[in-house]
C-alpha atoms as a PDB file:
ATOM      1  CA  MET A   1      14.088 -19.158  93.933  1.00  0.00           C
ATOM      2  CA  ASN A   2      14.608 -15.156  94.284  1.00  0.00           C
ATOM      3  CA  THR A   3      14.455 -13.841  97.946  1.00  0.00           C
ATOM      4  CA  ILE A   4      14.825 -10.170  99.009  1.00  0.00           C
ATOM      5  CA  ILE A   5      17.209  -9.781 101.411  1.00  0.00           C
ATOM      6  CA  ASN A   6      16.930  -6.240 102.614  1.00  0.00           C
ATOM      7  CA  GLU A   7      13.809  -4.723 102.010  1.00  0.00           C
ATOM      8  CA  ASP A   8      15.865  -1.240 102.817  1.00  0.00           C
ATOM      9  CA  ASP A   9      17.372  -1.567  99.295  1.00  0.00           C
ATOM     10  CA  PHE A  10      13.781  -0.605  97.813  1.00  0.00           C
ATOM     11  CA  LYS A  11      13.470   2.795 100.020  1.00  0.00           C
ATOM     12  CA  TYR A  12      15.809   5.055  98.864  1.00  0.00           C
ATOM     13  CA  TYR A  13      14.839   8.510  97.392  1.00  0.00           C
ATOM     14  CA  MET A  14      16.665  10.460  94.422  1.00  0.00           C
ATOM     15  CA  GLN A  15      15.917  13.666  92.674  1.00  0.00           C
ATOM     16  CA  ASP A  16      17.746  15.308  89.457  1.00  0.00           C
ATOM     17  CA  ILE A  17      16.805  18.342  87.853  1.00  0.00           C
ATOM     18  CA  GLU A  18      13.477  17.485  86.651  1.00  0.00           C
ATOM     19  CA  ARG A  19      11.933  14.757  88.934  1.00  0.00           C
ATOM     20  CA  TYR A  20      11.884  13.212  92.454  1.00  0.00           C
ATOM     21  CA  TYR A  21      12.511   9.419  92.910  1.00  0.00           C
ATOM     22  CA  PHE A  22      10.689   7.353  95.635  1.00  0.00           C
ATOM     23  CA  GLY A  23      11.294   3.431  95.905  1.00  0.00           C
ATOM     24  CA  ALA A  24       8.124   1.877  96.201  1.00  0.00           C
ATOM     25  CA  ARG A  25       8.215  -0.470  99.136  1.00  0.00           C
ATOM     26  CA  TYR A  26       8.451   2.857 101.117  1.00  0.00           C
ATOM     27  CA  ASN A  27       5.378   3.596 103.471  1.00  0.00           C
ATOM     28  CA  TYR A  28       4.046   6.996 103.460  1.00  0.00           C
ATOM     29  CA  ASN A  29       4.856   7.087 107.692  1.00  0.00           C
ATOM     30  CA  GLU A  30       8.471   6.487 106.408  1.00  0.00           C
ATOM     31  CA  LEU A  31       8.104   9.188 103.930  1.00  0.00           C
ATOM     32  CA  ILE A  32       6.890  11.623 106.790  1.00  0.00           C
ATOM     33  CA  ALA A  33       9.720  10.687 109.119  1.00  0.00           C
ATOM     34  CA  ASN A  34      12.431  11.187 106.683  1.00  0.00           C
ATOM     35  CA  GLU A  35      13.906  14.379 106.856  1.00  0.00           C
ATOM     36  CA  ILE A  36      15.707  14.315 103.117  1.00  0.00           C
ATOM     37  CA  VAL A  37      12.023  14.058 101.071  1.00  0.00           C
ATOM     38  CA  PRO A  38      11.046  17.240 100.313  1.00  0.00           C
ATOM     39  CA  PHE A  39       8.614  19.398 102.880  1.00  0.00           C
ATOM     40  CA  LYS A  40       6.157  20.129 100.320  1.00  0.00           C
ATOM     41  CA  PHE A  41       5.618  16.619  99.184  1.00  0.00           C
ATOM     42  CA  LYS A  42       5.020  15.803 102.738  1.00  0.00           C
ATOM     43  CA  THR A  43       2.363  18.454 103.189  1.00  0.00           C
ATOM     44  CA  VAL A  44       0.368  16.734 100.276  1.00  0.00           C
ATOM     45  CA  ILE A  45       0.773  13.689 101.513  1.00  0.00           C
ATOM     46  CA  THR A  46      -0.119  14.907 104.891  1.00  0.00           C
ATOM     47  CA  LYS A  47      -3.068  16.923 103.938  1.00  0.00           C
ATOM     48  CA  TYR A  48      -4.580  15.394 100.823  1.00  0.00           C
ATOM     49  CA  PHE A  49      -3.759  11.587 100.984  1.00  0.00           C
ATOM     50  CA  LYS A  50      -5.076  11.319 105.105  1.00  0.00           C
ATOM     51  CA  ASP A  51      -8.318  10.536 104.591  1.00  0.00           C
ATOM     52  CA  ASP A  52      -7.960   8.018 101.292  1.00  0.00           C
ATOM     53  CA  ILE A  53      -5.372   5.642 102.910  1.00  0.00           C
ATOM     54  CA  ASP A  54      -3.530   4.326 105.713  1.00  0.00           C
ATOM     55  CA  PHE A  55       0.029   5.741 106.189  1.00  0.00           C
ATOM     56  CA  SER A  56       1.201   2.429 106.697  1.00  0.00           C
ATOM     57  CA  THR A  57       0.658   1.484 103.160  1.00  0.00           C
ATOM     58  CA  THR A  58       3.065   1.097 100.580  1.00  0.00           C
ATOM     59  CA  LEU A  59       3.517   3.180  97.653  1.00  0.00           C
ATOM     60  CA  GLU A  60       3.798   0.216  95.466  1.00  0.00           C
ATOM     61  CA  SER A  61       0.749  -1.252  97.286  1.00  0.00           C
ATOM     62  CA  HIS A  62      -1.265   1.776  96.944  1.00  0.00           C
ATOM     63  CA  ILE A  63      -0.178   2.895  93.206  1.00  0.00           C
ATOM     64  CA  TYR A  64      -1.223  -1.288  92.133  1.00  0.00           C
ATOM     65  CA  HIS A  65      -4.548  -0.850  93.538  1.00  0.00           C
ATOM     66  CA  LEU A  66      -5.536   3.149  92.702  1.00  0.00           C
ATOM     67  CA  THR A  67      -8.289   3.685  90.668  1.00  0.00           C
ATOM     68  CA  LYS A  68      -9.482   6.467  88.591  1.00  0.00           C
ATOM     69  CA  ASP A  69     -12.427   7.561  91.184  1.00  0.00           C
ATOM     70  CA  THR A  70     -10.346   8.730  93.884  1.00  0.00           C
ATOM     71  CA  TYR A  71      -9.463  11.831  95.264  1.00  0.00           C
ATOM     72  CA  ASP A  72      -5.588  10.701  95.610  1.00  0.00           C
ATOM     73  CA  TYR A  73      -5.433   9.515  91.536  1.00  0.00           C
ATOM     74  CA  LYS A  74      -6.049  13.277  91.152  1.00  0.00           C
ATOM     75  CA  VAL A  75      -3.290  14.468  93.367  1.00  0.00           C
ATOM     76  CA  TYR A  76      -1.002  12.341  91.495  1.00  0.00           C
ATOM     77  CA  LYS A  77      -2.031  13.152  88.433  1.00  0.00           C
ATOM     78  CA  GLN A  78      -1.661  16.976  88.915  1.00  0.00           C
ATOM     79  CA  LEU A  79       1.860  15.932  90.543  1.00  0.00           C
ATOM     80  CA  ARG A  80       2.212  14.648  86.604  1.00  0.00           C
ATOM     81  CA  THR A  81       3.233  11.339  88.692  1.00  0.00           C
ATOM     82  CA  LYS A  82       4.832   8.411  86.265  1.00  0.00           C
ATOM     83  CA  ILE A  83       5.729   4.815  87.721  1.00  0.00           C
ATOM     84  CA  ARG A  84       8.492   2.806  86.928  1.00  0.00           C
ATOM     85  CA  THR A  85       7.733  -1.152  86.656  1.00  0.00           C
ATOM     86  CA  SER A  86       9.243  -4.426  85.988  1.00  0.00           C
ATOM     87  CA  VAL A  87       6.787  -6.805  83.691  1.00  0.00           C
ATOM     88  CA  TYR A  88       7.155  -9.448  82.129  1.00  0.00           C
ATOM     89  CA  LYS A  89       9.131  -9.726  78.927  1.00  0.00           C
ATOM     90  CA  ASP A  90       6.079 -12.262  77.226  1.00  0.00           C
ATOM     91  CA  PRO A  91       2.628 -11.910  79.524  1.00  0.00           C
ATOM     92  CA  ASP A  92       2.431 -15.696  77.865  1.00  0.00           C
ATOM     93  CA  ARG A  93       5.545 -16.442  79.401  1.00  0.00           C
ATOM     94  CA  LYS A  94       7.051 -18.132  76.610  1.00  0.00           C
ATOM     95  CA  GLU A  95      10.092 -15.916  76.924  1.00  0.00           C
ATOM     96  CA  LYS A  96      11.175 -15.658  80.688  1.00  0.00           C
ATOM     97  CA  GLY A  97      12.422 -12.786  82.593  1.00  0.00           C
ATOM     98  CA  PHE A  98      10.964  -9.122  83.056  1.00  0.00           C
ATOM     99  CA  LYS A  99      11.362  -5.557  81.088  1.00  0.00           C
ATOM    100  CA  GLU A 100      11.336  -2.177  82.810  1.00  0.00           C
ATOM    101  CA  LYS A 101       8.440   0.433  81.829  1.00  0.00           C
ATOM    102  CA  VAL A 102       7.397   3.546  82.742  1.00  0.00           C
ATOM    103  CA  TYR A 103       3.865   4.553  83.109  1.00  0.00           C
ATOM    104  CA  LYS A 104       2.123   7.885  83.176  1.00  0.00           C
ATOM    105  CA  ILE A 105      -0.103   7.714  86.375  1.00  0.00           C
ATOM    106  CA  GLU A 106      -2.850   8.171  83.889  1.00  0.00           C
ATOM    107  CA  GLU A 107      -1.898   5.040  81.912  1.00  0.00           C
ATOM    108  CA  ILE A 108      -1.695   2.605  85.140  1.00  0.00           C
ATOM    109  CA  VAL A 109      -5.382   3.315  86.594  1.00  0.00           C
ATOM    110  CA  LYS A 110      -6.771   2.201  83.160  1.00  0.00           C
ATOM    111  CA  ILE A 111      -5.032  -1.732  84.084  1.00  0.00           C
ATOM    112  CA  ASN A 112      -7.288  -3.232  86.290  1.00  0.00           C
ATOM    113  CA  PRO A 113      -5.648  -5.906  88.995  1.00  0.00           C
ATOM    114  CA  GLU A 114      -6.307  -8.958  87.205  1.00  0.00           C
ATOM    115  CA  GLU A 115      -4.199  -7.609  84.263  1.00  0.00           C
ATOM    116  CA  LYS A 116      -1.790  -6.279  86.520  1.00  0.00           C
ATOM    117  CA  GLU A 117      -1.169  -9.865  87.759  1.00  0.00           C
ATOM    118  CA  ARG A 118      -1.581 -11.419  84.407  1.00  0.00           C
ATOM    119  CA  LEU A 119       1.512  -9.139  83.285  1.00  0.00           C
ATOM    120  CA  GLY A 120       3.489  -9.687  85.996  1.00  0.00           C
ATOM    121  CA  MET A 121       3.729  -5.859  86.940  1.00  0.00           C
ATOM    122  CA  LEU A 122       5.646  -4.673  89.971  1.00  0.00           C
ATOM    123  CA  VAL A 123       5.612  -1.294  90.998  1.00  0.00           C
ATOM    124  CA  ARG A 124       8.968  -0.273  91.486  1.00  0.00           C
ATOM    125  CA  GLU A 125       9.737   3.563  92.033  1.00  0.00           C
ATOM    126  CA  ILE A 126       7.135   6.874  91.886  1.00  0.00           C
ATOM    127  CA  ILE A 127       8.621   9.542  89.867  1.00  0.00           C
ATOM    128  CA  ILE A 128       7.042  12.850  90.644  1.00  0.00           C
ATOM    129  CA  SER A 129       7.662  15.957  88.515  1.00  0.00           C
ATOM    130  CA  LYS A 130       9.601  18.965  90.079  1.00  0.00           C
ATOM    131  CA  LEU A 131       7.351  21.349  88.160  1.00  0.00           C
ATOM    132  CA  GLY A 132       4.246  19.216  89.312  1.00  0.00           C
ATOM    133  CA  LEU A 133       4.849  19.535  93.034  1.00  0.00           C
ATOM    134  CA  TRP A 134       5.929  23.256  92.733  1.00  0.00           C
ATOM    135  CA  GLY A 135       2.802  24.513  91.243  1.00  0.00           C
ATOM    136  CA  PHE A 136       0.281  22.012  93.601  1.00  0.00           C
ATOM    137  CA  GLN A 137      -1.461  24.499  95.935  1.00  0.00           C
ATOM    138  CA  VAL A 138      -0.787  23.340  99.654  1.00  0.00           C
END
């Protein structure tokens, strides 16, 4: 049985020339408090997510249960968000192990929680386009 020894290993922030990457175990309070997270993303969180989610919610849980009908989905769509996940190699469990799959936010909200469970989906990382954030009006 695999156990997580250090939860902080899944809380990270990175960037490259095109994107920001956030470990999905962060909750929104931790992102807001982290001084290296881009100020504009913190502003998006505090201005646009405040009515829809509790800031103690992790990115992982929020994305897992996100639906197409919510305002926060529209915000993530505008930010050109992608989601890095781990899913079973074979959902019927004939072959053991996981594979990595990256979904656009539009794709992941089409999958209901029951199907995500069947796929063994684990949300690992949130990927936000720098251009999407740059063009976002705050």
